[in-house]
């Protein structure tokens, strides 16, 4: 069983950028038909104080603080340690590519194909729920039979509070 681990919080958590790592940064293995794939995931976030919700309505004390995503890196890796696909968003990183994007790994590319390994394929913002849904489509067996409902409920909660469209 894997877990998300948060970077240490020093002082006031509001306004500081924090990171959560899946499985302390170690890849998590999943069986797929005839093989295994691995997932690496990290999410950068900050806690923000809000007086109004995304619709401009005043918020109650229980909704006064929210988590705001500041970046992510999700990578699906094959059993022979080749990146299959990765989703990145690092607007505050060292790269000049600040928009959400995907990389198609060499294991999934044709040498004469249109896409190259270093291409940045524009995407919308990618949630962890969408990564999990994709992995299930690729053959990972969900631990819970009502996985679609769980993913949809979590995605709906995320969508309700997101501050971007």
C-alpha atoms as a PDB file:
ATOM      1  CA  UNK A   1       0.000   0.000   0.000  1.00  0.00           C
ATOM      2  CA  UNK A   2       1.371   3.405  -0.944  1.00  0.00           C
ATOM      3  CA  UNK A   3       0.719   6.749   0.655  1.00  0.00           C
ATOM      4  CA  UNK A   4       1.209  10.407  -0.075  1.00  0.00           C
ATOM      5  CA  UNK A   5       3.912  12.057   2.038  1.00  0.00           C
ATOM      6  CA  UNK A   6       4.066  15.832   2.495  1.00  0.00           C
ATOM      7  CA  UNK A   7       7.227  17.868   2.724  1.00  0.00           C
ATOM      8  CA  UNK A   8       7.883  19.241   6.219  1.00  0.00           C
ATOM      9  CA  UNK A   9       5.881  22.354   7.071  1.00  0.00           C
ATOM     10  CA  UNK A  10       7.977  25.026   8.725  1.00  0.00           C
ATOM     11  CA  UNK A  11       6.151  27.891  10.367  1.00  0.00           C
ATOM     12  CA  UNK A  12       2.954  29.170   8.770  1.00  0.00           C
ATOM     13  CA  UNK A  13       1.668  26.806   6.037  1.00  0.00           C
ATOM     14  CA  UNK A  14      -0.411  29.519   4.309  1.00  0.00           C
ATOM     15  CA  UNK A  15       1.277  30.919   1.220  1.00  0.00           C
ATOM     16  CA  UNK A  16       4.275  28.572   1.284  1.00  0.00           C
ATOM     17  CA  UNK A  17       4.765  26.015  -1.489  1.00  0.00           C
ATOM     18  CA  UNK A  18       4.701  22.404  -0.282  1.00  0.00           C
ATOM     19  CA  UNK A  19       5.157  19.092  -2.085  1.00  0.00           C
ATOM     20  CA  UNK A  20       3.424  15.760  -1.681  1.00  0.00           C
ATOM     21  CA  UNK A  21       5.135  12.664  -3.045  1.00  0.00           C
ATOM     22  CA  UNK A  22       3.451   9.384  -3.789  1.00  0.00           C
ATOM     23  CA  UNK A  23       5.263   6.570  -1.965  1.00  0.00           C
ATOM     24  CA  UNK A  24       7.997   8.961  -0.745  1.00  0.00           C
ATOM     25  CA  UNK A  25       9.083   9.413  -4.370  1.00  0.00           C
ATOM     26  CA  UNK A  26       9.649   5.724  -5.072  1.00  0.00           C
ATOM     27  CA  UNK A  27       7.793   4.251  -8.090  1.00  0.00           C
ATOM     28  CA  UNK A  28       4.630   2.277  -7.300  1.00  0.00           C
ATOM     29  CA  UNK A  29       4.179  -0.940  -9.299  1.00  0.00           C
ATOM     30  CA  UNK A  30       0.901  -2.089 -10.851  1.00  0.00           C
ATOM     31  CA  UNK A  31       0.145  -5.320 -12.685  1.00  0.00           C
ATOM     32  CA  UNK A  32      -1.281  -5.054 -16.174  1.00  0.00           C
ATOM     33  CA  UNK A  33      -2.025  -7.963 -18.523  1.00  0.00           C
ATOM     34  CA  UNK A  34       1.293  -9.670 -19.348  1.00  0.00           C
ATOM     35  CA  UNK A  35       3.461  -6.983 -17.698  1.00  0.00           C
ATOM     36  CA  UNK A  36       3.839  -4.393 -14.958  1.00  0.00           C
ATOM     37  CA  UNK A  37       3.905  -0.583 -15.022  1.00  0.00           C
ATOM     38  CA  UNK A  38       5.101   1.920 -12.445  1.00  0.00           C
ATOM     39  CA  UNK A  39       3.803   5.313 -11.393  1.00  0.00           C
ATOM     40  CA  UNK A  40       5.774   8.227  -9.989  1.00  0.00           C
ATOM     41  CA  UNK A  41       3.795  11.246  -8.818  1.00  0.00           C
ATOM     42  CA  UNK A  42       4.414  14.547  -7.079  1.00  0.00           C
ATOM     43  CA  UNK A  43       2.175  17.567  -6.595  1.00  0.00           C
ATOM     44  CA  UNK A  44       3.207  21.062  -5.506  1.00  0.00           C
ATOM     45  CA  UNK A  45       0.595  23.068  -3.656  1.00  0.00           C
ATOM     46  CA  UNK A  46       0.031  26.023  -1.428  1.00  0.00           C
ATOM     47  CA  UNK A  47      -2.621  26.743   1.175  1.00  0.00           C
ATOM     48  CA  UNK A  48      -4.503  29.961   0.424  1.00  0.00           C
ATOM     49  CA  UNK A  49      -6.884  31.995   2.540  1.00  0.00           C
ATOM     50  CA  UNK A  50     -10.063  32.990   0.768  1.00  0.00           C
ATOM     51  CA  UNK A  51     -12.883  35.306   1.648  1.00  0.00           C
ATOM     52  CA  UNK A  52     -15.000  34.338  -1.379  1.00  0.00           C
ATOM     53  CA  UNK A  53     -15.477  31.128  -3.357  1.00  0.00           C
ATOM     54  CA  UNK A  54     -14.802  30.769  -7.087  1.00  0.00           C
ATOM     55  CA  UNK A  55     -18.260  32.237  -7.797  1.00  0.00           C
ATOM     56  CA  UNK A  56     -17.627  35.354  -5.718  1.00  0.00           C
ATOM     57  CA  UNK A  57     -19.828  34.273  -2.823  1.00  0.00           C
ATOM     58  CA  UNK A  58     -18.638  34.773   0.771  1.00  0.00           C
ATOM     59  CA  UNK A  59     -17.332  31.576   2.340  1.00  0.00           C
ATOM     60  CA  UNK A  60     -17.986  30.246   5.811  1.00  0.00           C
ATOM     61  CA  UNK A  61     -15.258  29.573   8.326  1.00  0.00           C
ATOM     62  CA  UNK A  62     -15.057  25.901   7.302  1.00  0.00           C
ATOM     63  CA  UNK A  63     -14.189  26.927   3.719  1.00  0.00           C
ATOM     64  CA  UNK A  64     -11.829  29.778   4.657  1.00  0.00           C
ATOM     65  CA  UNK A  65      -8.712  27.927   3.483  1.00  0.00           C
ATOM     66  CA  UNK A  66      -8.172  25.901   0.347  1.00  0.00           C
ATOM     67  CA  UNK A  67      -5.345  24.048  -1.297  1.00  0.00           C
ATOM     68  CA  UNK A  68      -4.192  25.452  -4.624  1.00  0.00           C
ATOM     69  CA  UNK A  69      -2.144  23.292  -6.998  1.00  0.00           C
ATOM     70  CA  UNK A  70       1.145  24.930  -8.063  1.00  0.00           C
ATOM     71  CA  UNK A  71       2.448  22.127 -10.282  1.00  0.00           C
ATOM     72  CA  UNK A  72       2.641  18.381 -10.752  1.00  0.00           C
ATOM     73  CA  UNK A  73       4.668  15.606 -12.335  1.00  0.00           C
ATOM     74  CA  UNK A  74       3.095  12.222 -13.077  1.00  0.00           C
ATOM     75  CA  UNK A  75       5.088   9.544 -14.934  1.00  0.00           C
ATOM     76  CA  UNK A  76       4.035   6.072 -16.085  1.00  0.00           C
ATOM     77  CA  UNK A  77       7.074   3.847 -16.567  1.00  0.00           C
ATOM     78  CA  UNK A  78       7.305   0.411 -18.186  1.00  0.00           C
ATOM     79  CA  UNK A  79       8.778  -2.672 -16.528  1.00  0.00           C
ATOM     80  CA  UNK A  80      12.015  -2.122 -18.489  1.00  0.00           C
ATOM     81  CA  UNK A  81      12.363   1.369 -16.981  1.00  0.00           C
ATOM     82  CA  UNK A  82      11.193   3.261 -20.102  1.00  0.00           C
ATOM     83  CA  UNK A  83       8.892   6.230 -19.672  1.00  0.00           C
ATOM     84  CA  UNK A  84       5.574   5.543 -21.400  1.00  0.00           C
ATOM     85  CA  UNK A  85       3.847   8.851 -20.767  1.00  0.00           C
ATOM     86  CA  UNK A  86       4.290  11.747 -18.379  1.00  0.00           C
ATOM     87  CA  UNK A  87       2.137  14.738 -17.522  1.00  0.00           C
ATOM     88  CA  UNK A  88       3.907  17.841 -16.258  1.00  0.00           C
ATOM     89  CA  UNK A  89       2.955  21.294 -15.134  1.00  0.00           C
ATOM     90  CA  UNK A  90       5.756  23.333 -13.596  1.00  0.00           C
ATOM     91  CA  UNK A  91       4.925  27.035 -13.988  1.00  0.00           C
ATOM     92  CA  UNK A  92       7.467  28.053 -11.338  1.00  0.00           C
ATOM     93  CA  UNK A  93      10.219  25.654 -12.437  1.00  0.00           C
ATOM     94  CA  UNK A  94      13.502  26.191 -14.229  1.00  0.00           C
ATOM     95  CA  UNK A  95      12.009  25.247 -17.618  1.00  0.00           C
ATOM     96  CA  UNK A  96      10.611  27.907 -19.924  1.00  0.00           C
ATOM     97  CA  UNK A  97       7.662  25.571 -20.666  1.00  0.00           C
ATOM     98  CA  UNK A  98       5.046  26.740 -18.191  1.00  0.00           C
ATOM     99  CA  UNK A  99       1.845  25.326 -19.698  1.00  0.00           C
ATOM    100  CA  UNK A 100       0.424  21.898 -18.718  1.00  0.00           C
ATOM    101  CA  UNK A 101       1.776  19.282 -21.092  1.00  0.00           C
ATOM    102  CA  UNK A 102       2.464  15.608 -21.704  1.00  0.00           C
ATOM    103  CA  UNK A 103       5.543  13.765 -22.884  1.00  0.00           C
ATOM    104  CA  UNK A 104       5.246  10.552 -24.851  1.00  0.00           C
ATOM    105  CA  UNK A 105       8.082   8.223 -23.881  1.00  0.00           C
ATOM    106  CA  UNK A 106      10.418   6.556 -26.352  1.00  0.00           C
ATOM    107  CA  UNK A 107       8.814   3.179 -25.635  1.00  0.00           C
ATOM    108  CA  UNK A 108       5.605   4.499 -27.224  1.00  0.00           C
ATOM    109  CA  UNK A 109       7.190   6.364 -30.154  1.00  0.00           C
ATOM    110  CA  UNK A 110       8.017   5.304 -33.685  1.00  0.00           C
ATOM    111  CA  UNK A 111      11.428   6.593 -34.893  1.00  0.00           C
ATOM    112  CA  UNK A 112       9.742   7.920 -38.059  1.00  0.00           C
ATOM    113  CA  UNK A 113       6.663   9.199 -36.251  1.00  0.00           C
ATOM    114  CA  UNK A 114       5.375  12.724 -35.894  1.00  0.00           C
ATOM    115  CA  UNK A 115       6.120  12.988 -32.161  1.00  0.00           C
ATOM    116  CA  UNK A 116       9.556  13.194 -30.575  1.00  0.00           C
ATOM    117  CA  UNK A 117      10.520  12.357 -26.977  1.00  0.00           C
ATOM    118  CA  UNK A 118      11.196  15.979 -25.991  1.00  0.00           C
ATOM    119  CA  UNK A 119       7.970  17.350 -27.515  1.00  0.00           C
ATOM    120  CA  UNK A 120       5.683  19.196 -25.102  1.00  0.00           C
ATOM    121  CA  UNK A 121       2.137  18.224 -26.047  1.00  0.00           C
ATOM    122  CA  UNK A 122      -0.260  20.815 -24.656  1.00  0.00           C
ATOM    123  CA  UNK A 123      -2.902  19.417 -22.353  1.00  0.00           C
ATOM    124  CA  UNK A 124      -5.353  20.815 -19.883  1.00  0.00           C
ATOM    125  CA  UNK A 125      -4.495  20.582 -16.220  1.00  0.00           C
ATOM    126  CA  UNK A 126      -4.253  16.934 -15.239  1.00  0.00           C
ATOM    127  CA  UNK A 127      -5.590  15.692 -11.925  1.00  0.00           C
ATOM    128  CA  UNK A 128      -4.339  12.584 -10.176  1.00  0.00           C
ATOM    129  CA  UNK A 129      -7.853  11.159 -10.583  1.00  0.00           C
ATOM    130  CA  UNK A 130      -7.459  11.371 -14.378  1.00  0.00           C
ATOM    131  CA  UNK A 131      -4.069   9.636 -14.198  1.00  0.00           C
ATOM    132  CA  UNK A 132      -5.637   6.794 -12.183  1.00  0.00           C
ATOM    133  CA  UNK A 133      -8.539   6.537 -14.641  1.00  0.00           C
ATOM    134  CA  UNK A 134      -6.093   6.268 -17.565  1.00  0.00           C
ATOM    135  CA  UNK A 135      -4.081   3.583 -15.793  1.00  0.00           C
ATOM    136  CA  UNK A 136      -7.248   1.527 -15.243  1.00  0.00           C
ATOM    137  CA  UNK A 137      -8.036   1.859 -18.961  1.00  0.00           C
ATOM    138  CA  UNK A 138      -4.520   0.514 -19.691  1.00  0.00           C
ATOM    139  CA  UNK A 139      -5.182  -2.615 -17.657  1.00  0.00           C
ATOM    140  CA  UNK A 140      -4.474  -1.836 -13.990  1.00  0.00           C
ATOM    141  CA  UNK A 141      -7.030  -3.670 -11.861  1.00  0.00           C
ATOM    142  CA  UNK A 142      -8.809  -1.247  -9.515  1.00  0.00           C
ATOM    143  CA  UNK A 143      -8.854  -2.202  -5.826  1.00  0.00           C
ATOM    144  CA  UNK A 144     -12.426  -0.984  -5.462  1.00  0.00           C
ATOM    145  CA  UNK A 145     -15.259  -2.108  -7.752  1.00  0.00           C
ATOM    146  CA  UNK A 146     -16.943   1.290  -7.596  1.00  0.00           C
ATOM    147  CA  UNK A 147     -13.754   3.075  -8.712  1.00  0.00           C
ATOM    148  CA  UNK A 148     -15.601   5.170 -11.317  1.00  0.00           C
ATOM    149  CA  UNK A 149     -17.911   6.645  -8.686  1.00  0.00           C
ATOM    150  CA  UNK A 150     -14.994   7.337  -6.325  1.00  0.00           C
ATOM    151  CA  UNK A 151     -12.958   9.042  -9.056  1.00  0.00           C
ATOM    152  CA  UNK A 152     -15.969  11.054 -10.237  1.00  0.00           C
ATOM    153  CA  UNK A 153     -16.832  12.249  -6.703  1.00  0.00           C
ATOM    154  CA  UNK A 154     -13.217  13.303  -6.059  1.00  0.00           C
ATOM    155  CA  UNK A 155     -12.953  14.992  -9.469  1.00  0.00           C
ATOM    156  CA  UNK A 156     -16.250  16.831  -8.865  1.00  0.00           C
ATOM    157  CA  UNK A 157     -14.972  18.129  -5.503  1.00  0.00           C
ATOM    158  CA  UNK A 158     -11.782  19.298  -7.211  1.00  0.00           C
ATOM    159  CA  UNK A 159     -13.750  20.960 -10.030  1.00  0.00           C
ATOM    160  CA  UNK A 160     -16.045  22.722  -7.543  1.00  0.00           C
ATOM    161  CA  UNK A 161     -13.142  24.555  -5.903  1.00  0.00           C
ATOM    162  CA  UNK A 162     -10.675  25.020  -8.764  1.00  0.00           C
ATOM    163  CA  UNK A 163      -9.896  28.643  -9.519  1.00  0.00           C
ATOM    164  CA  UNK A 164      -9.119  28.161 -13.227  1.00  0.00           C
ATOM    165  CA  UNK A 165     -11.396  27.091 -16.031  1.00  0.00           C
END
